N, C-alpha and C. Protein backbone atom coordinates (compact mmCIF):
# COMPACT_ATOMS: atom_id res chain seq x y z
N MET A 1 65.23 122.93 113.10
CA MET A 1 64.28 122.66 114.15
C MET A 1 62.88 122.90 113.61
N ARG A 2 62.06 121.91 113.64
CA ARG A 2 60.70 121.99 113.12
C ARG A 2 59.74 121.95 114.30
N THR A 3 58.92 122.96 114.39
CA THR A 3 57.88 122.96 115.41
C THR A 3 56.55 122.85 114.71
N ASN A 4 55.72 122.02 115.23
CA ASN A 4 54.39 121.82 114.64
C ASN A 4 53.40 122.71 115.35
N LEU A 5 53.27 123.91 114.85
CA LEU A 5 52.31 124.86 115.41
C LEU A 5 51.03 124.82 114.60
N ASP A 6 49.93 124.89 115.28
CA ASP A 6 48.63 124.88 114.62
C ASP A 6 48.12 126.31 114.57
N PHE A 7 48.06 126.86 113.35
CA PHE A 7 47.61 128.24 113.17
C PHE A 7 46.11 128.31 112.86
N SER A 8 45.42 127.19 112.89
CA SER A 8 44.00 127.20 112.54
C SER A 8 43.14 128.08 113.46
N PRO A 9 43.41 128.20 114.78
CA PRO A 9 42.59 129.12 115.57
C PRO A 9 42.71 130.57 115.09
N PHE A 10 43.90 130.96 114.62
CA PHE A 10 44.08 132.31 114.10
C PHE A 10 43.39 132.47 112.76
N SER A 11 43.43 131.42 111.94
CA SER A 11 42.83 131.48 110.62
C SER A 11 41.32 131.64 110.70
N ARG A 12 40.72 131.10 111.73
CA ARG A 12 39.26 131.18 111.86
C ARG A 12 38.79 132.58 112.18
N SER A 13 39.65 133.37 112.83
CA SER A 13 39.21 134.69 113.27
C SER A 13 39.92 135.84 112.56
N SER A 14 40.63 135.55 111.50
CA SER A 14 41.32 136.62 110.78
C SER A 14 41.08 136.46 109.29
N ILE A 15 41.06 137.58 108.62
CA ILE A 15 40.81 137.59 107.18
C ILE A 15 41.96 138.33 106.51
N GLY A 16 42.50 137.74 105.47
CA GLY A 16 43.54 138.38 104.70
C GLY A 16 44.95 138.16 105.21
N PHE A 17 45.12 137.32 106.22
CA PHE A 17 46.45 137.05 106.77
C PHE A 17 46.99 135.69 106.32
N ASP A 18 46.41 135.12 105.27
CA ASP A 18 46.81 133.79 104.81
C ASP A 18 48.30 133.74 104.49
N ARG A 19 48.82 134.79 103.88
CA ARG A 19 50.23 134.82 103.49
C ARG A 19 51.14 134.78 104.71
N ILE A 20 50.76 135.46 105.77
CA ILE A 20 51.59 135.46 106.98
C ILE A 20 51.65 134.06 107.58
N PHE A 21 50.52 133.37 107.64
CA PHE A 21 50.51 132.02 108.20
C PHE A 21 51.32 131.07 107.32
N GLU A 22 51.24 131.27 106.01
CA GLU A 22 52.02 130.44 105.09
C GLU A 22 53.51 130.67 105.29
N LEU A 23 53.91 131.93 105.50
CA LEU A 23 55.32 132.23 105.75
C LEU A 23 55.80 131.58 107.04
N LEU A 24 54.99 131.63 108.07
CA LEU A 24 55.38 131.02 109.35
C LEU A 24 55.50 129.51 109.22
N GLU A 25 54.59 128.89 108.50
CA GLU A 25 54.64 127.43 108.35
C GLU A 25 55.83 127.00 107.49
N ASN A 26 56.21 127.81 106.52
CA ASN A 26 57.30 127.44 105.62
C ASN A 26 58.66 127.97 106.07
N ALA A 27 58.72 128.61 107.22
CA ALA A 27 59.98 129.21 107.68
C ALA A 27 61.06 128.16 107.88
N SER A 28 60.70 126.98 108.27
CA SER A 28 61.71 125.95 108.52
C SER A 28 62.20 125.27 107.25
N LEU A 29 61.58 125.53 106.10
CA LEU A 29 62.04 124.91 104.86
C LEU A 29 63.40 125.45 104.43
N ASN A 30 63.75 126.64 104.86
CA ASN A 30 65.04 127.25 104.52
C ASN A 30 66.06 126.97 105.63
N ALA A 31 66.00 125.80 106.25
CA ALA A 31 66.86 125.48 107.39
C ALA A 31 68.31 125.27 106.98
N ASP A 32 68.57 124.95 105.73
CA ASP A 32 69.94 124.75 105.26
C ASP A 32 70.66 126.10 105.28
N ASN A 33 71.79 126.17 105.91
CA ASN A 33 72.51 127.43 106.05
C ASN A 33 73.61 127.61 105.02
N TRP A 34 73.52 126.89 103.90
CA TRP A 34 74.54 127.01 102.87
C TRP A 34 73.91 127.42 101.57
N PRO A 35 74.43 128.32 100.83
CA PRO A 35 75.62 129.12 101.10
C PRO A 35 75.31 130.28 102.04
N PRO A 36 76.31 130.77 102.76
CA PRO A 36 76.07 131.89 103.67
C PRO A 36 75.71 133.16 102.89
N TYR A 37 74.98 134.03 103.54
CA TYR A 37 74.55 135.27 102.89
C TYR A 37 74.37 136.38 103.91
N ASN A 38 74.35 137.62 103.44
CA ASN A 38 74.05 138.80 104.24
C ASN A 38 72.87 139.52 103.60
N ILE A 39 72.06 140.13 104.43
CA ILE A 39 71.01 141.03 103.96
C ILE A 39 71.30 142.38 104.61
N VAL A 40 71.44 143.42 103.77
CA VAL A 40 71.83 144.74 104.24
C VAL A 40 70.74 145.73 103.84
N LYS A 41 70.38 146.62 104.78
CA LYS A 41 69.48 147.71 104.46
C LYS A 41 70.33 148.91 104.10
N LEU A 42 70.22 149.38 102.86
CA LEU A 42 71.04 150.47 102.37
C LEU A 42 70.40 151.83 102.57
N GLY A 43 69.09 151.86 102.70
CA GLY A 43 68.37 153.12 102.85
C GLY A 43 66.94 152.83 103.24
N GLU A 44 66.09 153.83 103.14
CA GLU A 44 64.69 153.68 103.53
C GLU A 44 63.99 152.57 102.73
N ASP A 45 64.26 152.51 101.42
CA ASP A 45 63.60 151.53 100.56
C ASP A 45 64.58 150.72 99.72
N ALA A 46 65.84 150.63 100.12
CA ALA A 46 66.85 149.92 99.34
C ALA A 46 67.50 148.83 100.20
N TYR A 47 67.67 147.64 99.59
CA TYR A 47 68.24 146.49 100.28
C TYR A 47 69.25 145.82 99.37
N ARG A 48 70.13 145.02 99.97
CA ARG A 48 71.12 144.27 99.20
C ARG A 48 71.27 142.90 99.85
N ILE A 49 71.29 141.87 99.00
CA ILE A 49 71.58 140.51 99.44
C ILE A 49 72.93 140.14 98.83
N ALA A 50 73.85 139.65 99.66
CA ALA A 50 75.16 139.19 99.19
C ALA A 50 75.29 137.72 99.57
N ILE A 51 75.45 136.87 98.56
CA ILE A 51 75.53 135.42 98.77
C ILE A 51 76.93 134.96 98.36
N VAL A 52 77.56 134.15 99.21
CA VAL A 52 78.89 133.61 98.91
C VAL A 52 78.73 132.50 97.87
N VAL A 53 79.31 132.73 96.68
CA VAL A 53 79.23 131.74 95.60
C VAL A 53 80.61 131.51 94.99
N ALA A 54 81.62 131.48 95.85
CA ALA A 54 82.99 131.27 95.37
C ALA A 54 83.08 129.97 94.59
N GLY A 55 83.68 130.04 93.41
CA GLY A 55 83.84 128.85 92.57
C GLY A 55 82.75 128.70 91.52
N PHE A 56 81.69 129.51 91.59
CA PHE A 56 80.61 129.44 90.61
C PHE A 56 80.80 130.56 89.59
N ALA A 57 80.57 130.25 88.33
CA ALA A 57 80.62 131.24 87.26
C ALA A 57 79.22 131.79 87.03
N GLU A 58 79.14 132.90 86.28
CA GLU A 58 77.84 133.53 86.03
C GLU A 58 76.85 132.58 85.37
N ASP A 59 77.33 131.76 84.43
CA ASP A 59 76.42 130.86 83.72
C ASP A 59 76.00 129.65 84.57
N GLU A 60 76.56 129.50 85.75
CA GLU A 60 76.18 128.41 86.65
C GLU A 60 75.21 128.87 87.74
N LEU A 61 74.83 130.15 87.68
CA LEU A 61 73.91 130.74 88.65
C LEU A 61 72.66 131.25 87.93
N THR A 62 71.51 131.07 88.54
CA THR A 62 70.27 131.63 88.00
C THR A 62 69.52 132.32 89.13
N ILE A 63 68.94 133.45 88.79
CA ILE A 63 68.14 134.23 89.74
C ILE A 63 66.75 134.37 89.14
N THR A 64 65.74 133.99 89.92
CA THR A 64 64.36 134.07 89.45
C THR A 64 63.55 134.90 90.43
N HIS A 65 62.84 135.89 89.91
CA HIS A 65 61.96 136.72 90.73
C HIS A 65 60.53 136.34 90.41
N GLU A 66 59.89 135.66 91.35
CA GLU A 66 58.49 135.26 91.21
C GLU A 66 57.67 136.19 92.08
N ALA A 67 56.38 135.94 92.18
CA ALA A 67 55.52 136.77 93.02
C ALA A 67 55.96 136.66 94.47
N ASN A 68 56.52 137.75 95.01
CA ASN A 68 56.97 137.86 96.40
C ASN A 68 58.03 136.83 96.77
N LYS A 69 58.75 136.31 95.80
CA LYS A 69 59.82 135.35 96.07
C LYS A 69 61.01 135.63 95.18
N LEU A 70 62.18 135.46 95.76
CA LEU A 70 63.42 135.53 95.01
C LEU A 70 64.10 134.18 95.19
N VAL A 71 64.41 133.51 94.09
CA VAL A 71 65.02 132.18 94.15
C VAL A 71 66.37 132.24 93.44
N VAL A 72 67.42 131.83 94.14
CA VAL A 72 68.77 131.80 93.59
C VAL A 72 69.20 130.33 93.53
N ASN A 73 69.57 129.87 92.33
CA ASN A 73 70.04 128.50 92.11
C ASN A 73 71.49 128.53 91.68
N GLY A 74 72.24 127.56 92.15
CA GLY A 74 73.62 127.39 91.71
C GLY A 74 73.89 125.93 91.45
N ALA A 75 74.47 125.62 90.29
CA ALA A 75 74.79 124.23 89.95
C ALA A 75 75.99 124.21 89.02
N LYS A 76 76.96 123.39 89.35
CA LYS A 76 78.13 123.22 88.50
C LYS A 76 77.94 121.95 87.67
N PRO A 77 78.38 121.98 86.43
CA PRO A 77 78.27 120.76 85.62
C PRO A 77 79.22 119.68 86.15
N GLU A 78 78.81 118.46 86.01
CA GLU A 78 79.64 117.33 86.47
C GLU A 78 80.85 117.19 85.54
N ASN A 79 82.02 117.06 86.14
CA ASN A 79 83.24 116.85 85.38
C ASN A 79 83.84 115.53 85.81
N GLU A 80 83.61 114.52 85.00
CA GLU A 80 84.05 113.16 85.34
C GLU A 80 85.57 112.98 85.18
N GLU A 81 86.21 113.90 84.44
CA GLU A 81 87.64 113.77 84.19
C GLU A 81 88.49 114.15 85.39
N VAL A 82 87.95 114.92 86.31
CA VAL A 82 88.72 115.42 87.44
C VAL A 82 88.71 114.38 88.56
N GLN A 83 89.90 114.10 89.08
CA GLN A 83 90.03 113.19 90.21
C GLN A 83 90.58 114.00 91.37
N TYR A 84 89.75 114.23 92.38
CA TYR A 84 90.15 115.04 93.52
C TYR A 84 90.94 114.22 94.53
N LEU A 85 92.05 114.74 94.98
CA LEU A 85 92.78 114.15 96.09
C LEU A 85 92.23 114.71 97.40
N HIS A 86 91.80 115.96 97.35
CA HIS A 86 91.11 116.58 98.49
C HIS A 86 90.14 117.61 97.90
N GLN A 87 88.89 117.57 98.33
CA GLN A 87 87.91 118.54 97.84
C GLN A 87 87.36 119.31 99.04
N GLY A 88 87.94 120.47 99.28
CA GLY A 88 87.53 121.31 100.40
C GLY A 88 86.55 122.39 100.02
N LEU A 89 86.42 122.67 98.73
CA LEU A 89 85.47 123.68 98.28
C LEU A 89 84.08 123.06 98.17
N ALA A 90 83.13 123.72 98.80
CA ALA A 90 81.76 123.23 98.75
C ALA A 90 81.10 123.76 97.48
N LEU A 91 81.19 123.00 96.43
CA LEU A 91 80.63 123.40 95.14
C LEU A 91 79.37 122.61 94.82
N ARG A 92 78.69 122.19 95.84
CA ARG A 92 77.47 121.41 95.63
C ARG A 92 76.35 122.33 95.13
N PRO A 93 75.39 121.77 94.43
CA PRO A 93 74.26 122.59 93.97
C PRO A 93 73.48 123.13 95.16
N PHE A 94 72.87 124.30 94.97
CA PHE A 94 72.09 124.90 96.04
C PHE A 94 70.89 125.64 95.48
N VAL A 95 69.91 125.83 96.35
CA VAL A 95 68.75 126.66 96.07
C VAL A 95 68.52 127.51 97.32
N ARG A 96 68.53 128.81 97.16
CA ARG A 96 68.30 129.72 98.28
C ARG A 96 67.07 130.56 97.95
N ARG A 97 66.08 130.54 98.85
CA ARG A 97 64.82 131.26 98.63
C ARG A 97 64.71 132.41 99.63
N PHE A 98 64.22 133.55 99.13
CA PHE A 98 63.97 134.71 99.97
C PHE A 98 62.53 135.16 99.74
N GLU A 99 61.81 135.36 100.82
CA GLU A 99 60.46 135.91 100.73
C GLU A 99 60.58 137.43 100.65
N LEU A 100 59.93 138.03 99.67
CA LEU A 100 59.98 139.47 99.49
C LEU A 100 58.64 140.09 99.87
N ALA A 101 58.70 141.28 100.41
CA ALA A 101 57.47 142.01 100.74
C ALA A 101 56.82 142.48 99.44
N ASP A 102 55.59 142.92 99.54
CA ASP A 102 54.89 143.46 98.38
C ASP A 102 55.65 144.66 97.84
N HIS A 103 55.69 144.78 96.54
CA HIS A 103 56.27 145.91 95.82
C HIS A 103 57.78 146.00 95.92
N VAL A 104 58.46 144.90 96.29
CA VAL A 104 59.92 144.88 96.29
C VAL A 104 60.36 144.34 94.93
N LEU A 105 61.18 145.13 94.24
CA LEU A 105 61.64 144.78 92.90
C LEU A 105 63.14 144.52 92.91
N VAL A 106 63.58 143.64 92.02
CA VAL A 106 65.00 143.37 91.87
C VAL A 106 65.56 144.39 90.89
N GLU A 107 66.49 145.20 91.36
CA GLU A 107 67.09 146.23 90.50
C GLU A 107 68.22 145.68 89.64
N GLY A 108 68.94 144.70 90.16
CA GLY A 108 70.04 144.13 89.39
C GLY A 108 70.86 143.18 90.23
N ALA A 109 71.75 142.48 89.55
CA ALA A 109 72.63 141.53 90.23
C ALA A 109 73.99 141.55 89.56
N LYS A 110 75.02 141.32 90.37
CA LYS A 110 76.37 141.26 89.82
C LYS A 110 77.18 140.24 90.62
N LEU A 111 78.17 139.69 89.96
CA LEU A 111 79.06 138.71 90.58
C LEU A 111 80.42 139.36 90.71
N GLU A 112 80.85 139.57 91.96
CA GLU A 112 82.15 140.21 92.18
C GLU A 112 82.84 139.60 93.39
N ASN A 113 84.10 139.22 93.21
CA ASN A 113 84.93 138.68 94.29
C ASN A 113 84.30 137.49 95.01
N GLY A 114 83.65 136.61 94.27
CA GLY A 114 83.05 135.43 94.86
C GLY A 114 81.73 135.67 95.56
N LEU A 115 81.18 136.88 95.42
CA LEU A 115 79.89 137.22 96.02
C LEU A 115 78.88 137.52 94.92
N LEU A 116 77.71 136.97 95.03
CA LEU A 116 76.60 137.34 94.17
C LEU A 116 75.83 138.43 94.91
N VAL A 117 75.84 139.63 94.35
CA VAL A 117 75.23 140.79 94.99
C VAL A 117 73.94 141.12 94.25
N ILE A 118 72.82 141.11 94.97
CA ILE A 118 71.50 141.39 94.39
C ILE A 118 70.94 142.63 95.07
N ASP A 119 70.64 143.65 94.28
CA ASP A 119 70.08 144.89 94.81
C ASP A 119 68.57 144.89 94.65
N LEU A 120 67.90 145.27 95.73
CA LEU A 120 66.44 145.29 95.77
C LEU A 120 65.96 146.68 96.13
N LYS A 121 64.77 147.03 95.66
CA LYS A 121 64.19 148.33 95.98
C LYS A 121 62.69 148.17 96.17
N LYS A 122 62.18 148.82 97.20
CA LYS A 122 60.75 148.80 97.45
C LYS A 122 60.15 150.04 96.80
N GLU A 123 59.26 149.81 95.84
CA GLU A 123 58.61 150.90 95.12
C GLU A 123 57.10 150.77 95.28
N ILE A 124 56.54 151.64 96.08
CA ILE A 124 55.09 151.62 96.29
C ILE A 124 54.44 152.42 95.18
N PRO A 125 53.45 151.85 94.47
CA PRO A 125 52.79 152.59 93.40
C PRO A 125 52.11 153.85 93.93
N GLU A 126 52.02 154.86 93.08
CA GLU A 126 51.43 156.15 93.48
C GLU A 126 50.03 155.99 94.06
N GLU A 127 49.22 155.10 93.46
CA GLU A 127 47.84 154.97 93.94
C GLU A 127 47.75 154.33 95.32
N MET A 128 48.85 153.75 95.80
CA MET A 128 48.84 153.13 97.12
C MET A 128 49.52 154.00 98.18
N LYS A 129 50.15 155.08 97.76
CA LYS A 129 50.81 155.97 98.71
C LYS A 129 49.75 156.80 99.43
N PRO A 130 50.03 157.17 100.68
CA PRO A 130 49.07 158.01 101.41
C PRO A 130 48.94 159.36 100.70
N ARG A 131 47.73 159.86 100.67
CA ARG A 131 47.50 161.17 100.07
C ARG A 131 46.62 161.99 100.99
N ARG A 132 46.81 163.28 100.92
CA ARG A 132 46.06 164.19 101.78
C ARG A 132 44.75 164.55 101.08
N ILE A 133 43.68 164.53 101.85
CA ILE A 133 42.35 164.86 101.34
C ILE A 133 42.01 166.27 101.79
N ALA A 134 41.63 167.11 100.83
CA ALA A 134 41.26 168.49 101.15
C ALA A 134 39.90 168.52 101.83
N ILE A 135 39.76 169.39 102.81
CA ILE A 135 38.50 169.55 103.53
C ILE A 135 37.87 170.86 103.08
N LYS A 136 36.63 170.79 102.64
CA LYS A 136 35.94 172.00 102.20
C LYS A 136 35.43 172.75 103.42
N SER A 137 35.59 174.07 103.41
CA SER A 137 35.21 174.85 104.58
C SER A 137 33.88 175.56 104.43
N GLU A 138 33.35 175.69 103.23
CA GLU A 138 32.09 176.42 103.08
C GLU A 138 30.91 175.48 103.29
N MET A 139 29.93 175.99 103.92
CA MET A 139 28.72 175.21 104.19
C MET A 139 27.80 175.34 102.98
N THR A 140 27.19 174.31 102.61
CA THR A 140 26.22 174.37 101.51
C THR A 140 24.83 174.38 102.10
N LYS A 141 24.00 175.27 101.60
CA LYS A 141 22.62 175.39 102.08
C LYS A 141 21.75 174.48 101.26
N PRO A 142 20.82 173.81 101.91
CA PRO A 142 19.92 172.95 101.14
C PRO A 142 19.03 173.81 100.25
N ALA A 143 18.82 173.37 99.05
CA ALA A 143 17.96 174.11 98.11
C ALA A 143 16.52 174.00 98.56
N SER A 144 15.83 175.15 98.59
CA SER A 144 14.42 175.12 99.00
C SER A 144 13.56 174.78 97.80
N LYS A 145 12.66 173.87 98.01
CA LYS A 145 11.76 173.44 96.94
C LYS A 145 10.36 173.96 97.26
N GLN A 146 9.68 174.36 96.22
CA GLN A 146 8.31 174.80 96.38
C GLN A 146 7.41 173.62 96.10
N ILE A 147 6.52 173.38 97.01
CA ILE A 147 5.59 172.27 96.84
C ILE A 147 4.48 172.72 95.90
N GLU A 148 4.18 171.87 94.93
CA GLU A 148 3.12 172.21 93.97
C GLU A 148 1.78 172.22 94.68
N GLY A 149 1.02 173.08 94.28
CA GLY A 149 -0.32 173.15 94.88
C GLY A 149 -0.98 174.44 94.46
N ASP A 150 -1.94 174.82 95.23
CA ASP A 150 -2.65 176.08 94.93
C ASP A 150 -1.72 177.25 95.17
N LYS A 151 -1.64 178.07 94.17
CA LYS A 151 -0.85 179.27 94.31
C LYS A 151 -1.83 180.44 94.48
N ALA A 152 -1.95 180.86 95.66
CA ALA A 152 -2.87 181.97 95.93
C ALA A 152 -2.12 183.27 95.73
N ALA A 153 -2.68 184.12 94.93
CA ALA A 153 -2.01 185.37 94.67
C ALA A 153 -2.78 186.52 95.19
């Protein structure tokens, strides 16, 4: 379902939200629901994506981590020698894209029992973490300056 929403009124009055508007506009590009997948939150900063890839071998799958994007491709080589009487397995090529938040890193991936399992972790750099600022309690007195002039003694 594609809805043509115009985000230009929001763009005129907001700064730095370009990525959010881009995500909303591109949300319908991932309308294909194949292959099925799960996204699981494992902890405060740990996530797992499990994609059904039954019939695909490791060398037929590629995972690419770009800036704030995770792209999973699957493609089987064409085998002209095989003549199917019935082909019920959906082994068609696919591309599945996931938008990642800032500072989400791919920890690893494994293929087990027909599932491609990708582990993700959000790691915020130390300089971006909240830090407590110490408050000084002593008052500083302004230094008194002597104005140059006649010094009467």
